[in-house]
C-alpha atoms as a PDB file:
ATOM      1  CA  GLY A   1      19.695 -18.932 -21.083  1.00  0.00           C
ATOM      2  CA  THR A   2      16.880 -16.515 -21.720  1.00  0.00           C
ATOM      3  CA  ALA A   3      16.523 -15.163 -18.195  1.00  0.00           C
ATOM      4  CA  GLU A   4      15.035 -11.693 -17.750  1.00  0.00           C
ATOM      5  CA  ALA A   5      17.518 -10.957 -14.944  1.00  0.00           C
ATOM      6  CA  VAL A   6      20.543 -12.523 -13.276  1.00  0.00           C
ATOM      7  CA  VAL A   7      21.033 -12.754  -9.527  1.00  0.00           C
ATOM      8  CA  CYS A   8      24.510 -13.815  -8.482  1.00  0.00           C
ATOM      9  CA  GLY A   9      26.793 -14.009  -5.482  1.00  0.00           C
ATOM     10  CA  PRO A  10      30.368 -12.793  -5.069  1.00  0.00           C
ATOM     11  CA  GLY A  11      31.807 -15.924  -6.640  1.00  0.00           C
ATOM     12  CA  SER A  12      30.093 -15.442  -9.998  1.00  0.00           C
ATOM     13  CA  VAL A  13      29.926 -11.652 -10.475  1.00  0.00           C
ATOM     14  CA  ALA A  14      32.739 -11.673 -13.049  1.00  0.00           C
ATOM     15  CA  GLU A  15      31.054 -14.508 -14.945  1.00  0.00           C
ATOM     16  CA  HIS A  16      27.733 -12.656 -15.276  1.00  0.00           C
ATOM     17  CA  ALA A  17      28.906  -9.020 -15.561  1.00  0.00           C
ATOM     18  CA  ALA A  18      29.089  -9.224 -19.357  1.00  0.00           C
ATOM     19  CA  ARG A  19      25.299  -9.742 -19.480  1.00  0.00           C
ATOM     20  CA  ALA A  20      24.630  -6.405 -17.711  1.00  0.00           C
ATOM     21  CA  GLY A  21      24.032  -4.681 -21.057  1.00  0.00           C
ATOM     22  CA  ASP A  22      21.254  -7.126 -21.933  1.00  0.00           C
ATOM     23  CA  VAL A  23      19.494  -7.886 -18.631  1.00  0.00           C
ATOM     24  CA  PRO A  24      19.682  -6.545 -15.089  1.00  0.00           C
ATOM     25  CA  VAL A  25      22.501  -8.232 -13.165  1.00  0.00           C
ATOM     26  CA  LEU A  26      21.951  -8.135  -9.416  1.00  0.00           C
ATOM     27  CA  ALA A  27      24.913  -9.031  -7.228  1.00  0.00           C
ATOM     28  CA  CYS A  28      24.413 -10.121  -3.614  1.00  0.00           C
ATOM     29  CA  ALA A  29      27.376  -9.835  -1.239  1.00  0.00           C
ATOM     30  CA  LEU A  30      25.833 -12.661   0.844  1.00  0.00           C
ATOM     31  CA  LEU A  31      26.705 -10.870   4.084  1.00  0.00           C
ATOM     32  CA  PRO A  32      24.408 -10.469   7.109  1.00  0.00           C
ATOM     33  CA  MET A  33      21.897  -7.609   7.061  1.00  0.00           C
ATOM     34  CA  GLY A  34      22.132  -7.225   3.264  1.00  0.00           C
ATOM     35  CA  VAL A  35      25.502  -5.468   3.447  1.00  0.00           C
ATOM     36  CA  ARG A  36      26.880  -4.040   0.226  1.00  0.00           C
ATOM     37  CA  PHE A  37      30.066  -5.151  -1.561  1.00  0.00           C
ATOM     38  CA  ALA A  38      33.235  -3.613  -0.110  1.00  0.00           C
ATOM     39  CA  GLU A  39      34.848  -3.425  -3.545  1.00  0.00           C
ATOM     40  CA  ALA A  40      33.440  -1.743  -6.649  1.00  0.00           C
ATOM     41  CA  LEU A  41      31.360  -3.942  -8.940  1.00  0.00           C
ATOM     42  CA  PRO A  42      31.800  -4.096 -12.731  1.00  0.00           C
ATOM     43  CA  GLU A  43      30.005  -1.454 -14.789  1.00  0.00           C
ATOM     44  CA  GLY A  44      26.251  -2.088 -15.036  1.00  0.00           C
ATOM     45  CA  VAL A  45      26.091  -4.642 -12.194  1.00  0.00           C
ATOM     46  CA  HIS A  46      23.654  -3.630  -9.432  1.00  0.00           C
ATOM     47  CA  ASP A  47      24.645  -4.114  -5.792  1.00  0.00           C
ATOM     48  CA  VAL A  48      21.591  -5.537  -4.013  1.00  0.00           C
ATOM     49  CA  GLY A  49      22.903  -4.220  -0.688  1.00  0.00           C
ATOM     50  CA  VAL A  50      22.727  -0.665  -2.081  1.00  0.00           C
ATOM     51  CA  GLU A  51      19.734  -0.721  -4.410  1.00  0.00           C
ATOM     52  CA  ILE A  52      17.327  -3.140  -2.750  1.00  0.00           C
ATOM     53  CA  TRP A  53      16.999  -2.435   0.950  1.00  0.00           C
ATOM     54  CA  GLY A  54      15.505  -4.923   3.376  1.00  0.00           C
ATOM     55  CA  GLN A  55      12.854  -2.362   4.373  1.00  0.00           C
ATOM     56  CA  PRO A  56      12.962   0.447   1.826  1.00  0.00           C
ATOM     57  CA  ASP A  57      11.316   3.820   2.214  1.00  0.00           C
ATOM     58  CA  ALA A  58      10.778   3.893  -1.543  1.00  0.00           C
ATOM     59  CA  PHE A  59      10.601   1.359  -4.342  1.00  0.00           C
ATOM     60  CA  ILE A  60      11.515   1.958  -7.964  1.00  0.00           C
ATOM     61  CA  ALA A  61      10.889  -0.969 -10.302  1.00  0.00           C
ATOM     62  CA  PHE A  62      13.547  -1.950 -12.831  1.00  0.00           C
ATOM     63  CA  ASP A  63      10.713  -2.518 -15.317  1.00  0.00           C
ATOM     64  CA  PRO A  64       7.731  -0.396 -14.199  1.00  0.00           C
ATOM     65  CA  PRO A  65       4.303  -1.738 -15.162  1.00  0.00           C
ATOM     66  CA  GLU A  66       2.371  -0.113 -17.988  1.00  0.00           C
ATOM     67  CA  ALA A  67      -1.254   1.003 -17.600  1.00  0.00           C
ATOM     68  CA  ASP A  68      -2.612  -2.052 -19.446  1.00  0.00           C
ATOM     69  CA  ASP A  69      -0.422  -4.607 -17.618  1.00  0.00           C
ATOM     70  CA  PRO A  70      -2.289  -6.990 -15.301  1.00  0.00           C
ATOM     71  CA  ALA A  71      -2.376  -5.922 -11.649  1.00  0.00           C
ATOM     72  CA  VAL A  72      -4.756  -8.485 -10.139  1.00  0.00           C
ATOM     73  CA  ARG A  73      -5.775 -11.883 -11.452  1.00  0.00           C
ATOM     74  CA  ALA A  74      -8.070 -13.996  -9.321  1.00  0.00           C
ATOM     75  CA  PRO A  75     -11.217 -16.022  -9.922  1.00  0.00           C
ATOM     76  CA  GLY A  76     -13.882 -13.505 -10.865  1.00  0.00           C
ATOM     77  CA  LEU A  77     -11.508 -10.545 -10.637  1.00  0.00           C
ATOM     78  CA  ALA A  78      -9.089  -9.205 -13.245  1.00  0.00           C
ATOM     79  CA  LEU A  79      -7.799  -5.642 -13.123  1.00  0.00           C
ATOM     80  CA  SER A  80      -5.209  -3.786 -15.146  1.00  0.00           C
ATOM     81  CA  GLN A  81      -2.783  -1.412 -13.430  1.00  0.00           C
ATOM     82  CA  SER A  82      -4.819   1.619 -14.502  1.00  0.00           C
ATOM     83  CA  GLU A  83      -8.106   0.045 -13.347  1.00  0.00           C
ATOM     84  CA  LEU A  84      -6.614  -0.865  -9.967  1.00  0.00           C
ATOM     85  CA  TRP A  85      -5.185   2.600  -9.309  1.00  0.00           C
ATOM     86  CA  SER A  86      -8.282   4.420 -10.615  1.00  0.00           C
ATOM     87  CA  ALA A  87     -10.442   2.390  -8.229  1.00  0.00           C
ATOM     88  CA  ALA A  88      -7.998   3.071  -5.386  1.00  0.00           C
ATOM     89  CA  ALA A  89      -8.039   6.821  -5.994  1.00  0.00           C
ATOM     90  CA  ALA A  90     -11.855   6.819  -5.965  1.00  0.00           C
ATOM     91  CA  GLY A  91     -12.129   4.531  -2.929  1.00  0.00           C
ATOM     92  CA  THR A  92     -13.858   5.345   0.339  1.00  0.00           C
ATOM     93  CA  LEU A  93     -11.780   3.455   2.920  1.00  0.00           C
ATOM     94  CA  VAL A  94      -9.497   6.365   3.777  1.00  0.00           C
ATOM     95  CA  THR A  95      -9.590  10.155   3.462  1.00  0.00           C
ATOM     96  CA  ASP A  96      -6.927  11.933   1.405  1.00  0.00           C
ATOM     97  CA  GLY A  97      -3.659  11.856   3.354  1.00  0.00           C
ATOM     98  CA  GLY A  98      -5.245   9.701   6.080  1.00  0.00           C
ATOM     99  CA  ARG A  99      -4.000   6.694   8.018  1.00  0.00           C
ATOM    100  CA  LEU A 100      -6.089   3.542   7.608  1.00  0.00           C
ATOM    101  CA  LEU A 101      -6.171   0.920  10.385  1.00  0.00           C
ATOM    102  CA  SER A 102      -6.801  -2.549   9.005  1.00  0.00           C
ATOM    103  CA  ALA A 103      -6.468  -6.190   9.956  1.00  0.00           C
ATOM    104  CA  ALA A 104      -7.333  -7.372   6.437  1.00  0.00           C
ATOM    105  CA  ASN A 105      -4.801  -9.268   4.339  1.00  0.00           C
ATOM    106  CA  PRO A 106      -3.794  -6.688   1.702  1.00  0.00           C
ATOM    107  CA  ALA A 107      -2.186  -9.418  -0.415  1.00  0.00           C
ATOM    108  CA  SER A 108      -5.516 -11.142  -1.038  1.00  0.00           C
ATOM    109  CA  PRO A 109      -7.388  -9.864  -4.104  1.00  0.00           C
ATOM    110  CA  PRO A 110     -10.613  -9.051  -2.243  1.00  0.00           C
ATOM    111  CA  GLU A 111      -8.703  -6.932   0.293  1.00  0.00           C
ATOM    112  CA  ILE A 112      -6.142  -5.276  -1.992  1.00  0.00           C
ATOM    113  CA  ALA A 113      -7.906  -1.921  -1.567  1.00  0.00           C
ATOM    114  CA  THR A 114      -6.634  -1.770   2.022  1.00  0.00           C
ATOM    115  CA  PHE A 115      -3.144  -1.443   0.550  1.00  0.00           C
ATOM    116  CA  THR A 116      -3.758   0.531  -2.641  1.00  0.00           C
ATOM    117  CA  GLU A 117      -6.247   3.156  -1.438  1.00  0.00           C
ATOM    118  CA  PRO A 118      -3.979   4.750   1.185  1.00  0.00           C
ATOM    119  CA  LEU A 119      -1.122   4.871  -1.350  1.00  0.00           C
ATOM    120  CA  ALA A 120      -3.258   6.339  -4.117  1.00  0.00           C
ATOM    121  CA  ARG A 121      -4.711   8.951  -1.755  1.00  0.00           C
ATOM    122  CA  GLY A 122      -1.395  10.082  -0.259  1.00  0.00           C
ATOM    123  CA  GLY A 123      -1.952   8.293   3.030  1.00  0.00           C
ATOM    124  CA  SER A 124      -0.598   5.287   4.869  1.00  0.00           C
ATOM    125  CA  LEU A 125      -1.687   1.915   6.219  1.00  0.00           C
ATOM    126  CA  VAL A 126      -1.432   0.709   9.816  1.00  0.00           C
ATOM    127  CA  LEU A 127      -1.674  -3.053   9.443  1.00  0.00           C
ATOM    128  CA  VAL A 128      -2.528  -5.102  12.535  1.00  0.00           C
ATOM    129  CA  ALA A 129      -2.234  -8.889  12.547  1.00  0.00           C
ATOM    130  CA  HIS A 130      -4.489 -10.822  14.931  1.00  0.00           C
ATOM    131  CA  PRO A 131      -6.129  -7.710  16.405  1.00  0.00           C
ATOM    132  CA  ASP A 132      -7.133  -7.702  20.044  1.00  0.00           C
ATOM    133  CA  PRO A 133     -10.468  -5.839  20.153  1.00  0.00           C
ATOM    134  CA  ALA A 134      -9.597  -4.523  23.626  1.00  0.00           C
ATOM    135  CA  ARG A 135      -6.468  -2.821  22.244  1.00  0.00           C
ATOM    136  CA  LEU A 136      -7.758  -1.437  18.931  1.00  0.00           C
ATOM    137  CA  GLU A 137      -8.751   1.924  20.429  1.00  0.00           C
ATOM    138  CA  SER A 138      -5.329   2.494  21.980  1.00  0.00           C
ATOM    139  CA  THR A 139      -3.594   1.280  18.821  1.00  0.00           C
ATOM    140  CA  SER A 140      -5.726   3.668  16.794  1.00  0.00           C
ATOM    141  CA  ALA A 141      -4.794   6.588  19.053  1.00  0.00           C
ATOM    142  CA  ASP A 142      -1.097   5.648  19.272  1.00  0.00           C
ATOM    143  CA  GLU A 143      -0.838   5.371  15.480  1.00  0.00           C
ATOM    144  CA  ARG A 144      -2.850   8.569  14.846  1.00  0.00           C
ATOM    145  CA  VAL A 145      -5.324   6.653  12.708  1.00  0.00           C
ATOM    146  CA  THR A 146      -7.884   8.738  10.801  1.00  0.00           C
ATOM    147  CA  ASP A 147      -9.899   5.863   9.300  1.00  0.00           C
ATOM    148  CA  ARG A 148     -10.675   2.212  10.131  1.00  0.00           C
ATOM    149  CA  ASP A 149     -11.933  -0.503   7.813  1.00  0.00           C
ATOM    150  CA  GLN A 150     -14.542  -3.171   8.614  1.00  0.00           C
ATOM    151  CA  SER A 151     -11.905  -5.588   9.921  1.00  0.00           C
ATOM    152  CA  THR A 152     -11.156  -3.249  12.865  1.00  0.00           C
ATOM    153  CA  ARG A 153     -14.665  -2.082  13.749  1.00  0.00           C
ATOM    154  CA  SER A 154     -16.644  -3.810  16.482  1.00  0.00           C
END
């Protein structure tokens, strides 16, 4: 059909390899732990076990967003990629290069700054689910936190 990408398993790699010139073809070996294919794949076919790690240190999009592409769409909130990252770079949650401690849900539009600000300012995020107020100080020290958002302040 008119898919923008093809994801296939070992049984259908040959069938979909011809489309690799038109759309990304991602082949999954379907082995535990996201293991790569033992044999070479056809030209242009991407091995998910090699290119898409379960917990990557870096992410490179196949089709990176443009500045005017939508980044956030929610009731009462619509931001383009450039608006989102400009706001993140000018934010006040974390100092440049700092580590932000947060219990906020960074996937929710109102809390997206907890994720984007540390990235835009060369820092990192220490995300705590269900924080125990009695342990936040030790967590902060253990993680070498430089900044805390409202969700982790008593």
